Amino acid sequence: MDPRWSHGEHSRLIEMAWEDRTPFEAIEALYGLQEKQVIAFMRRELKPGSFRLWRQRMRGRTSKHKALRNPAISRGYCPSQYKQR
């Protein structure tokens, strides 16, 4: 585990990298890691099979890059994704 982050931040970084709608730019804004650094982080932190699945999933996914996103998408998550209080 990287000493720069708490256990919660470490878990959140992995979660953000797995999420389809969270662009790499959001990860960079919060954690200071560029896409290549996120890939290296995930390679280091995940099991080899999990890393391969993640890379396969992220390769070519336009929602992970703000510049390639549909301009109609302005949120990082679906409004129905989280339960209402």
PDB file of N, CA and C in Angstrom:
ATOM      1  N   MET A   1       0.845  -1.185   0.000  1.00  0.00           N
ATOM      2  CA  MET A   1       0.000   0.000   0.000  1.00  0.00           C
ATOM      3  C   MET A   1       0.886   1.242   0.000  1.00  0.00           C
ATOM      4  N   ASP A   2       0.502   2.236  -0.773  1.00  0.00           N
ATOM      5  CA  ASP A   2       1.257   3.481  -0.885  1.00  0.00           C
ATOM      6  C   ASP A   2       1.105   4.289   0.406  1.00  0.00           C
ATOM      7  N   PRO A   3       2.223   4.713   1.008  1.00  0.00           N
ATOM      8  CA  PRO A   3       2.137   5.456   2.282  1.00  0.00           C
ATOM      9  C   PRO A   3       1.526   6.849   2.150  1.00  0.00           C
ATOM     10  N   ARG A   4       1.348   7.345   0.924  1.00  0.00           N
ATOM     11  CA  ARG A   4       0.757   8.676   0.740  1.00  0.00           C
ATOM     12  C   ARG A   4      -0.719   8.705   1.101  1.00  0.00           C
ATOM     13  N   TRP A   5      -1.377   7.556   1.050  1.00  0.00           N
ATOM     14  CA  TRP A   5      -2.822   7.523   1.245  1.00  0.00           C
ATOM     15  C   TRP A   5      -3.202   6.613   2.397  1.00  0.00           C
ATOM     16  N   SER A   6      -4.306   6.956   3.038  1.00  0.00           N
ATOM     17  CA  SER A   6      -4.850   6.100   4.088  1.00  0.00           C
ATOM     18  C   SER A   6      -5.463   4.864   3.419  1.00  0.00           C
ATOM     19  N   HIS A   7      -5.850   3.909   4.235  1.00  0.00           N
ATOM     20  CA  HIS A   7      -6.469   2.690   3.691  1.00  0.00           C
ATOM     21  C   HIS A   7      -7.746   3.038   2.923  1.00  0.00           C
ATOM     22  N   GLY A   8      -8.531   3.983   3.450  1.00  0.00           N
ATOM     23  CA  GLY A   8      -9.768   4.394   2.781  1.00  0.00           C
ATOM     24  C   GLY A   8      -9.506   5.061   1.438  1.00  0.00           C
ATOM     25  N   GLU A   9      -8.495   5.931   1.382  1.00  0.00           N
ATOM     26  CA  GLU A   9      -8.149   6.606   0.122  1.00  0.00           C
ATOM     27  C   GLU A   9      -7.632   5.599  -0.898  1.00  0.00           C
ATOM     28  N   HIS A  10      -6.853   4.644  -0.426  1.00  0.00           N
ATOM     29  CA  HIS A  10      -6.302   3.589  -1.275  1.00  0.00           C
ATOM     30  C   HIS A  10      -7.446   2.800  -1.916  1.00  0.00           C
ATOM     31  N   SER A  11      -8.415   2.408  -1.099  1.00  0.00           N
ATOM     32  CA  SER A  11      -9.578   1.668  -1.606  1.00  0.00           C
ATOM     33  C   SER A  11     -10.402   2.518  -2.565  1.00  0.00           C
ATOM     34  N   ARG A  12     -10.567   3.795  -2.243  1.00  0.00           N
ATOM     35  CA  ARG A  12     -11.353   4.691  -3.099  1.00  0.00           C
ATOM     36  C   ARG A  12     -10.679   4.883  -4.453  1.00  0.00           C
ATOM     37  N   LEU A  13      -9.363   4.965  -4.477  1.00  0.00           N
ATOM     38  CA  LEU A  13      -8.633   5.102  -5.737  1.00  0.00           C
ATOM     39  C   LEU A  13      -8.869   3.886  -6.630  1.00  0.00           C
ATOM     40  N   ILE A  14      -8.808   2.702  -6.055  1.00  0.00           N
ATOM     41  CA  ILE A  14      -9.076   1.479  -6.827  1.00  0.00           C
ATOM     42  C   ILE A  14     -10.522   1.476  -7.314  1.00  0.00           C
ATOM     43  N   GLU A  15     -11.446   1.872  -6.456  1.00  0.00           N
ATOM     44  CA  GLU A  15     -12.858   1.922  -6.835  1.00  0.00           C
ATOM     45  C   GLU A  15     -13.091   2.904  -7.982  1.00  0.00           C
ATOM     46  N   MET A  16     -12.478   4.081  -7.908  1.00  0.00           N
ATOM     47  CA  MET A  16     -12.631   5.079  -8.967  1.00  0.00           C
ATOM     48  C   MET A  16     -12.060   4.581 -10.284  1.00  0.00           C
ATOM     49  N   ALA A  17     -10.943   3.863 -10.225  1.00  0.00           N
ATOM     50  CA  ALA A  17     -10.333   3.334 -11.444  1.00  0.00           C
ATOM     51  C   ALA A  17     -11.239   2.280 -12.082  1.00  0.00           C
ATOM     52  N   TRP A  18     -11.952   1.489 -11.269  1.00  0.00           N
ATOM     53  CA  TRP A  18     -12.851   0.459 -11.789  1.00  0.00           C
ATOM     54  C   TRP A  18     -14.135   1.046 -12.353  1.00  0.00           C
ATOM     55  N   GLU A  19     -14.593   2.170 -11.823  1.00  0.00           N
ATOM     56  CA  GLU A  19     -15.867   2.748 -12.253  1.00  0.00           C
ATOM     57  C   GLU A  19     -15.807   3.219 -13.704  1.00  0.00           C
ATOM     58  N   ASP A  20     -16.824   2.895 -14.463  1.00  0.00           N
ATOM     59  CA  ASP A  20     -16.870   3.286 -15.873  1.00  0.00           C
ATOM     60  C   ASP A  20     -16.994   4.795 -16.044  1.00  0.00           C
ATOM     61  N   ARG A  21     -17.783   5.417 -15.197  1.00  0.00           N
ATOM     62  CA  ARG A  21     -18.104   6.831 -15.399  1.00  0.00           C
ATOM     63  C   ARG A  21     -17.095   7.794 -14.789  1.00  0.00           C
ATOM     64  N   THR A  22     -16.133   7.312 -14.042  1.00  0.00           N
ATOM     65  CA  THR A  22     -15.145   8.201 -13.423  1.00  0.00           C
ATOM     66  C   THR A  22     -13.969   8.384 -14.374  1.00  0.00           C
ATOM     67  N   PRO A  23     -13.789   9.576 -14.930  1.00  0.00           N
ATOM     68  CA  PRO A  23     -12.687   9.786 -15.880  1.00  0.00           C
ATOM     69  C   PRO A  23     -11.329   9.839 -15.162  1.00  0.00           C
ATOM     70  N   PHE A  24     -10.297   9.534 -15.902  1.00  0.00           N
ATOM     71  CA  PHE A  24      -8.944   9.596 -15.349  1.00  0.00           C
ATOM     72  C   PHE A  24      -8.614  11.007 -14.866  1.00  0.00           C
ATOM     73  N   GLU A  25      -9.224  12.009 -15.492  1.00  0.00           N
ATOM     74  CA  GLU A  25      -8.981  13.390 -15.078  1.00  0.00           C
ATOM     75  C   GLU A  25      -9.480  13.648 -13.650  1.00  0.00           C
ATOM     76  N   ALA A  26     -10.557  12.995 -13.257  1.00  0.00           N
ATOM     77  CA  ALA A  26     -11.065  13.137 -11.885  1.00  0.00           C
ATOM     78  C   ALA A  26     -10.101  12.492 -10.898  1.00  0.00           C
ATOM     79  N   ILE A  27      -9.528  11.360 -11.270  1.00  0.00           N
ATOM     80  CA  ILE A  27      -8.543  10.698 -10.411  1.00  0.00           C
ATOM     81  C   ILE A  27      -7.307  11.580 -10.285  1.00  0.00           C
ATOM     82  N   GLU A  28      -6.904  12.188 -11.392  1.00  0.00           N
ATOM     83  CA  GLU A  28      -5.738  13.075 -11.349  1.00  0.00           C
ATOM     84  C   GLU A  28      -6.006  14.284 -10.457  1.00  0.00           C
ATOM     85  N   ALA A  29      -7.209  14.843 -10.526  1.00  0.00           N
ATOM     86  CA  ALA A  29      -7.547  16.006  -9.708  1.00  0.00           C
ATOM     87  C   ALA A  29      -7.524  15.668  -8.220  1.00  0.00           C
ATOM     88  N   LEU A  30      -8.004  14.481  -7.864  1.00  0.00           N
ATOM     89  CA  LEU A  30      -8.069  14.099  -6.450  1.00  0.00           C
ATOM     90  C   LEU A  30      -6.762  13.535  -5.905  1.00  0.00           C
ATOM     91  N   TYR A  31      -6.067  12.721  -6.711  1.00  0.00           N
ATOM     92  CA  TYR A  31      -4.896  11.994  -6.219  1.00  0.00           C
ATOM     93  C   TYR A  31      -3.582  12.383  -6.886  1.00  0.00           C
ATOM     94  N   GLY A  32      -3.649  13.207  -7.930  1.00  0.00           N
ATOM     95  CA  GLY A  32      -2.424  13.640  -8.596  1.00  0.00           C
ATOM     96  C   GLY A  32      -1.770  12.586  -9.472  1.00  0.00           C
ATOM     97  N   LEU A  33      -2.521  11.559  -9.852  1.00  0.00           N
ATOM     98  CA  LEU A  33      -1.978  10.492 -10.690  1.00  0.00           C
ATOM     99  C   LEU A  33      -2.512  10.611 -12.112  1.00  0.00           C
ATOM    100  N   GLN A  34      -1.613  10.624 -13.078  1.00  0.00           N
ATOM    101  CA  GLN A  34      -2.015  10.627 -14.471  1.00  0.00           C
ATOM    102  C   GLN A  34      -2.393   9.206 -14.875  1.00  0.00           C
ATOM    103  N   GLU A  35      -2.984   9.062 -16.054  1.00  0.00           N
ATOM    104  CA  GLU A  35      -3.476   7.755 -16.502  1.00  0.00           C
ATOM    105  C   GLU A  35      -2.397   6.671 -16.415  1.00  0.00           C
ATOM    106  N   LYS A  36      -1.200   6.956 -16.886  1.00  0.00           N
ATOM    107  CA  LYS A  36      -0.124   5.949 -16.852  1.00  0.00           C
ATOM    108  C   LYS A  36       0.231   5.559 -15.420  1.00  0.00           C
ATOM    109  N   GLN A  37       0.156   6.524 -14.516  1.00  0.00           N
ATOM    110  CA  GLN A  37       0.433   6.233 -13.112  1.00  0.00           C
ATOM    111  C   GLN A  37      -0.686   5.406 -12.479  1.00  0.00           C
ATOM    112  N   VAL A  38      -1.923   5.651 -12.888  1.00  0.00           N
ATOM    113  CA  VAL A  38      -3.051   4.852 -12.401  1.00  0.00           C
ATOM    114  C   VAL A  38      -2.882   3.414 -12.878  1.00  0.00           C
ATOM    115  N   ILE A  39      -2.484   3.232 -14.128  1.00  0.00           N
ATOM    116  CA  ILE A  39      -2.257   1.890 -14.668  1.00  0.00           C
ATOM    117  C   ILE A  39      -1.168   1.186 -13.869  1.00  0.00           C
ATOM    118  N   ALA A  40      -0.070   1.875 -13.592  1.00  0.00           N
ATOM    119  CA  ALA A  40       1.022   1.283 -12.807  1.00  0.00           C
ATOM    120  C   ALA A  40       0.551   0.940 -11.388  1.00  0.00           C
ATOM    121  N   PHE A  41      -0.237   1.832 -10.793  1.00  0.00           N
ATOM    122  CA  PHE A  41      -0.793   1.594  -9.456  1.00  0.00           C
ATOM    123  C   PHE A  41      -1.655   0.342  -9.455  1.00  0.00           C
ATOM    124  N   MET A  42      -2.552   0.255 -10.438  1.00  0.00           N
ATOM    125  CA  MET A  42      -3.453  -0.899 -10.509  1.00  0.00           C
ATOM    126  C   MET A  42      -2.665  -2.187 -10.760  1.00  0.00           C
ATOM    127  N   ARG A  43      -1.640  -2.133 -11.585  1.00  0.00           N
ATOM    128  CA  ARG A  43      -0.801  -3.307 -11.849  1.00  0.00           C
ATOM    129  C   ARG A  43      -0.155  -3.787 -10.547  1.00  0.00           C
ATOM    130  N   ARG A  44       0.275  -2.845  -9.730  1.00  0.00           N
ATOM    131  CA  ARG A  44       0.952  -3.157  -8.472  1.00  0.00           C
ATOM    132  C   ARG A  44      -0.032  -3.675  -7.407  1.00  0.00           C
ATOM    133  N   GLU A  45      -1.240  -3.125  -7.376  1.00  0.00           N
ATOM    134  CA  GLU A  45      -2.174  -3.414  -6.293  1.00  0.00           C
ATOM    135  C   GLU A  45      -3.121  -4.583  -6.548  1.00  0.00           C
ATOM    136  N   LEU A  46      -3.408  -4.882  -7.814  1.00  0.00           N
ATOM    137  CA  LEU A  46      -4.353  -5.955  -8.128  1.00  0.00           C
ATOM    138  C   LEU A  46      -3.623  -7.264  -8.395  1.00  0.00           C
ATOM    139  N   LYS A  47      -4.349  -8.356  -8.258  1.00  0.00           N
ATOM    140  CA  LYS A  47      -3.818  -9.655  -8.667  1.00  0.00           C
ATOM    141  C   LYS A  47      -3.660  -9.621 -10.182  1.00  0.00           C
ATOM    142  N   PRO A  48      -2.738 -10.401 -10.740  1.00  0.00           N
ATOM    143  CA  PRO A  48      -2.514 -10.362 -12.196  1.00  0.00           C
ATOM    144  C   PRO A  48      -3.778 -10.565 -13.032  1.00  0.00           C
ATOM    145  N   GLY A  49      -4.624 -11.515 -12.663  1.00  0.00           N
ATOM    146  CA  GLY A  49      -5.852 -11.760 -13.416  1.00  0.00           C
ATOM    147  C   GLY A  49      -6.826 -10.584 -13.324  1.00  0.00           C
ATOM    148  N   SER A  50      -6.920  -9.996 -12.136  1.00  0.00           N
ATOM    149  CA  SER A  50      -7.798  -8.839 -11.947  1.00  0.00           C
ATOM    150  C   SER A  50      -7.289  -7.653 -12.748  1.00  0.00           C
ATOM    151  N   PHE A  51      -5.973  -7.478 -12.788  1.00  0.00           N
ATOM    152  CA  PHE A  51      -5.404  -6.381 -13.572  1.00  0.00           C
ATOM    153  C   PHE A  51      -5.707  -6.565 -15.056  1.00  0.00           C
ATOM    154  N   ARG A  52      -5.555  -7.783 -15.556  1.00  0.00           N
ATOM    155  CA  ARG A  52      -5.845  -8.043 -16.976  1.00  0.00           C
ATOM    156  C   ARG A  52      -7.316  -7.743 -17.291  1.00  0.00           C
ATOM    157  N   LEU A  53      -8.222  -8.156 -16.404  1.00  0.00           N
ATOM    158  CA  LEU A  53      -9.648  -7.860 -16.615  1.00  0.00           C
ATOM    159  C   LEU A  53      -9.898  -6.359 -16.620  1.00  0.00           C
ATOM    160  N   TRP A  54      -9.267  -5.646 -15.700  1.00  0.00           N
ATOM    161  CA  TRP A  54      -9.441  -4.194 -15.622  1.00  0.00           C
ATOM    162  C   TRP A  54      -8.919  -3.520 -16.891  1.00  0.00           C
ATOM    163  N   ARG A  55      -7.727  -3.911 -17.341  1.00  0.00           N
ATOM    164  CA  ARG A  55      -7.151  -3.304 -18.555  1.00  0.00           C
ATOM    165  C   ARG A  55      -8.025  -3.585 -19.766  1.00  0.00           C
ATOM    166  N   GLN A  56      -8.513  -4.805 -19.853  1.00  0.00           N
ATOM    167  CA  GLN A  56      -9.377  -5.171 -20.975  1.00  0.00           C
ATOM    168  C   GLN A  56     -10.647  -4.316 -20.947  1.00  0.00           C
ATOM    169  N   ARG A  57     -11.172  -4.081 -19.767  1.00  0.00           N
ATOM    170  CA  ARG A  57     -12.387  -3.295 -19.603  1.00  0.00           C
ATOM    171  C   ARG A  57     -12.149  -1.822 -19.921  1.00  0.00           C
ATOM    172  N   MET A  58     -11.005  -1.276 -19.538  1.00  0.00           N
ATOM    173  CA  MET A  58     -10.722   0.145 -19.715  1.00  0.00           C
ATOM    174  C   MET A  58     -10.240   0.501 -21.116  1.00  0.00           C
ATOM    175  N   ARG A  59      -9.666  -0.447 -21.801  1.00  0.00           N
ATOM    176  CA  ARG A  59      -9.117  -0.176 -23.135  1.00  0.00           C
ATOM    177  C   ARG A  59     -10.221   0.290 -24.076  1.00  0.00           C
ATOM    178  N   GLY A  60     -10.075   1.496 -24.589  1.00  0.00           N
ATOM    179  CA  GLY A  60     -11.025   2.032 -25.561  1.00  0.00           C
ATOM    180  C   GLY A  60     -12.313   2.570 -24.972  1.00  0.00           C
ATOM    181  N   ARG A  61     -12.418   2.634 -23.662  1.00  0.00           N
ATOM    182  CA  ARG A  61     -13.647   3.128 -23.018  1.00  0.00           C
ATOM    183  C   ARG A  61     -13.643   4.654 -23.030  1.00  0.00           C
ATOM    184  N   THR A  62     -14.522   5.242 -23.815  1.00  0.00           N
ATOM    185  CA  THR A  62     -14.535   6.695 -23.962  1.00  0.00           C
ATOM    186  C   THR A  62     -14.961   7.417 -22.691  1.00  0.00           C
ATOM    187  N   SER A  63     -15.724   6.759 -21.829  1.00  0.00           N
ATOM    188  CA  SER A  63     -16.190   7.420 -20.605  1.00  0.00           C
ATOM    189  C   SER A  63     -15.067   7.653 -19.607  1.00  0.00           C
ATOM    190  N   LYS A  64     -13.910   7.020 -19.796  1.00  0.00           N
ATOM    191  CA  LYS A  64     -12.783   7.217 -18.885  1.00  0.00           C
ATOM    192  C   LYS A  64     -11.932   8.424 -19.270  1.00  0.00           C
ATOM    193  N   HIS A  65     -12.276   9.101 -20.364  1.00  0.00           N
ATOM    194  CA  HIS A  65     -11.522  10.268 -20.817  1.00  0.00           C
ATOM    195  C   HIS A  65     -12.494  11.412 -21.082  1.00  0.00           C
ATOM    196  N   LYS A  66     -12.335  12.504 -20.356  1.00  0.00           N
ATOM    197  CA  LYS A  66     -13.262  13.636 -20.503  1.00  0.00           C
ATOM    198  C   LYS A  66     -13.327  14.149 -21.933  1.00  0.00           C
ATOM    199  N   ALA A  67     -12.188  14.208 -22.615  1.00  0.00           N
ATOM    200  CA  ALA A  67     -12.151  14.758 -23.969  1.00  0.00           C
ATOM    201  C   ALA A  67     -12.931  13.887 -24.963  1.00  0.00           C
ATOM    202  N   LEU A  68     -13.066  12.594 -24.683  1.00  0.00           N
ATOM    203  CA  LEU A  68     -13.749  11.686 -25.600  1.00  0.00           C
ATOM    204  C   LEU A  68     -15.211  11.471 -25.231  1.00  0.00           C
ATOM    205  N   ARG A  69     -15.626  11.997 -24.098  1.00  0.00           N
ATOM    206  CA  ARG A  69     -16.993  11.800 -23.616  1.00  0.00           C
ATOM    207  C   ARG A  69     -18.014  12.547 -24.443  1.00  0.00           C
ATOM    208  N   ASN A  70     -19.211  12.030 -24.430  1.00  0.00           N
ATOM    209  CA  ASN A  70     -20.347  12.710 -25.030  1.00  0.00           C
ATOM    210  C   ASN A  70     -20.589  13.979 -24.213  1.00  0.00           C
ATOM    211  N   PRO A  71     -20.711  15.141 -24.830  1.00  0.00           N
ATOM    212  CA  PRO A  71     -20.916  16.390 -24.088  1.00  0.00           C
ATOM    213  C   PRO A  71     -22.175  16.398 -23.225  1.00  0.00           C
ATOM    214  N   ALA A  72     -23.124  15.518 -23.504  1.00  0.00           N
ATOM    215  CA  ALA A  72     -24.351  15.450 -22.710  1.00  0.00           C
ATOM    216  C   ALA A  72     -24.104  14.835 -21.333  1.00  0.00           C
ATOM    217  N   ILE A  73     -22.977  14.147 -21.159  1.00  0.00           N
ATOM    218  CA  ILE A  73     -22.663  13.527 -19.872  1.00  0.00           C
ATOM    219  C   ILE A  73     -21.915  14.537 -19.021  1.00  0.00           C
ATOM    220  N   SER A  74     -22.566  14.991 -17.971  1.00  0.00           N
ATOM    221  CA  SER A  74     -21.926  15.995 -17.117  1.00  0.00           C
ATOM    222  C   SER A  74     -21.709  15.492 -15.698  1.00  0.00           C
ATOM    223  N   ARG A  75     -22.184  14.297 -15.392  1.00  0.00           N
ATOM    224  CA  ARG A  75     -22.058  13.753 -14.054  1.00  0.00           C
ATOM    225  C   ARG A  75     -21.105  12.575 -14.056  1.00  0.00           C
ATOM    226  N   GLY A  76     -20.530  12.291 -12.891  1.00  0.00           N
ATOM    227  CA  GLY A  76     -19.637  11.158 -12.756  1.00  0.00           C
ATOM    228  C   GLY A  76     -20.370   9.874 -12.409  1.00  0.00           C
ATOM    229  N   TYR A  77     -21.674   9.972 -12.091  1.00  0.00           N
ATOM    230  CA  TYR A  77     -22.439   8.786 -11.755  1.00  0.00           C
ATOM    231  C   TYR A  77     -23.901   8.987 -12.145  1.00  0.00           C
ATOM    232  N   CYS A  78     -24.596   7.912 -12.201  1.00  0.00           N
ATOM    233  CA  CYS A  78     -26.020   7.945 -12.535  1.00  0.00           C
ATOM    234  C   CYS A  78     -26.808   8.372 -11.301  1.00  0.00           C
ATOM    235  N   PRO A  79     -27.796   9.263 -11.438  1.00  0.00           N
ATOM    236  CA  PRO A  79     -28.578   9.700 -10.272  1.00  0.00           C
ATOM    237  C   PRO A  79     -29.262   8.554  -9.531  1.00  0.00           C
ATOM    238  N   SER A  80     -29.592   7.476 -10.225  1.00  0.00           N
ATOM    239  CA  SER A  80     -30.252   6.351  -9.571  1.00  0.00           C
ATOM    240  C   SER A  80     -29.259   5.344  -8.986  1.00  0.00           C
ATOM    241  N   GLN A  81     -27.971   5.628  -9.102  1.00  0.00           N
ATOM    242  CA  GLN A  81     -26.945   4.705  -8.624  1.00  0.00           C
ATOM    243  C   GLN A  81     -26.935   4.586  -7.104  1.00  0.00           C
ATOM    244  N   TYR A  82     -27.218   5.676  -6.405  1.00  0.00           N
ATOM    245  CA  TYR A  82     -27.170   5.693  -4.955  1.00  0.00           C
ATOM    246  C   TYR A  82     -28.568   5.785  -4.379  1.00  0.00           C
ATOM    247  N   LYS A  83     -28.756   5.188  -3.214  1.00  0.00           N
ATOM    248  CA  LYS A  83     -30.064   5.198  -2.566  1.00  0.00           C
ATOM    249  C   LYS A  83     -30.402   6.599  -2.060  1.00  0.00           C
ATOM    250  N   GLN A  84     -31.682   6.922  -2.136  1.00  0.00           N
ATOM    251  CA  GLN A  84     -32.172   8.189  -1.603  1.00  0.00           C
ATOM    252  C   GLN A  84     -32.257   8.095  -0.092  1.00  0.00           C
ATOM    253  N   ARG A  85     -31.979   9.177   0.590  1.00  0.00           N
ATOM    254  CA  ARG A  85     -32.077   9.171   2.055  1.00  0.00           C
ATOM    255  C   ARG A  85     -33.448   9.540   2.486  1.00  0.00           C
TER     256      ARG A  85
END
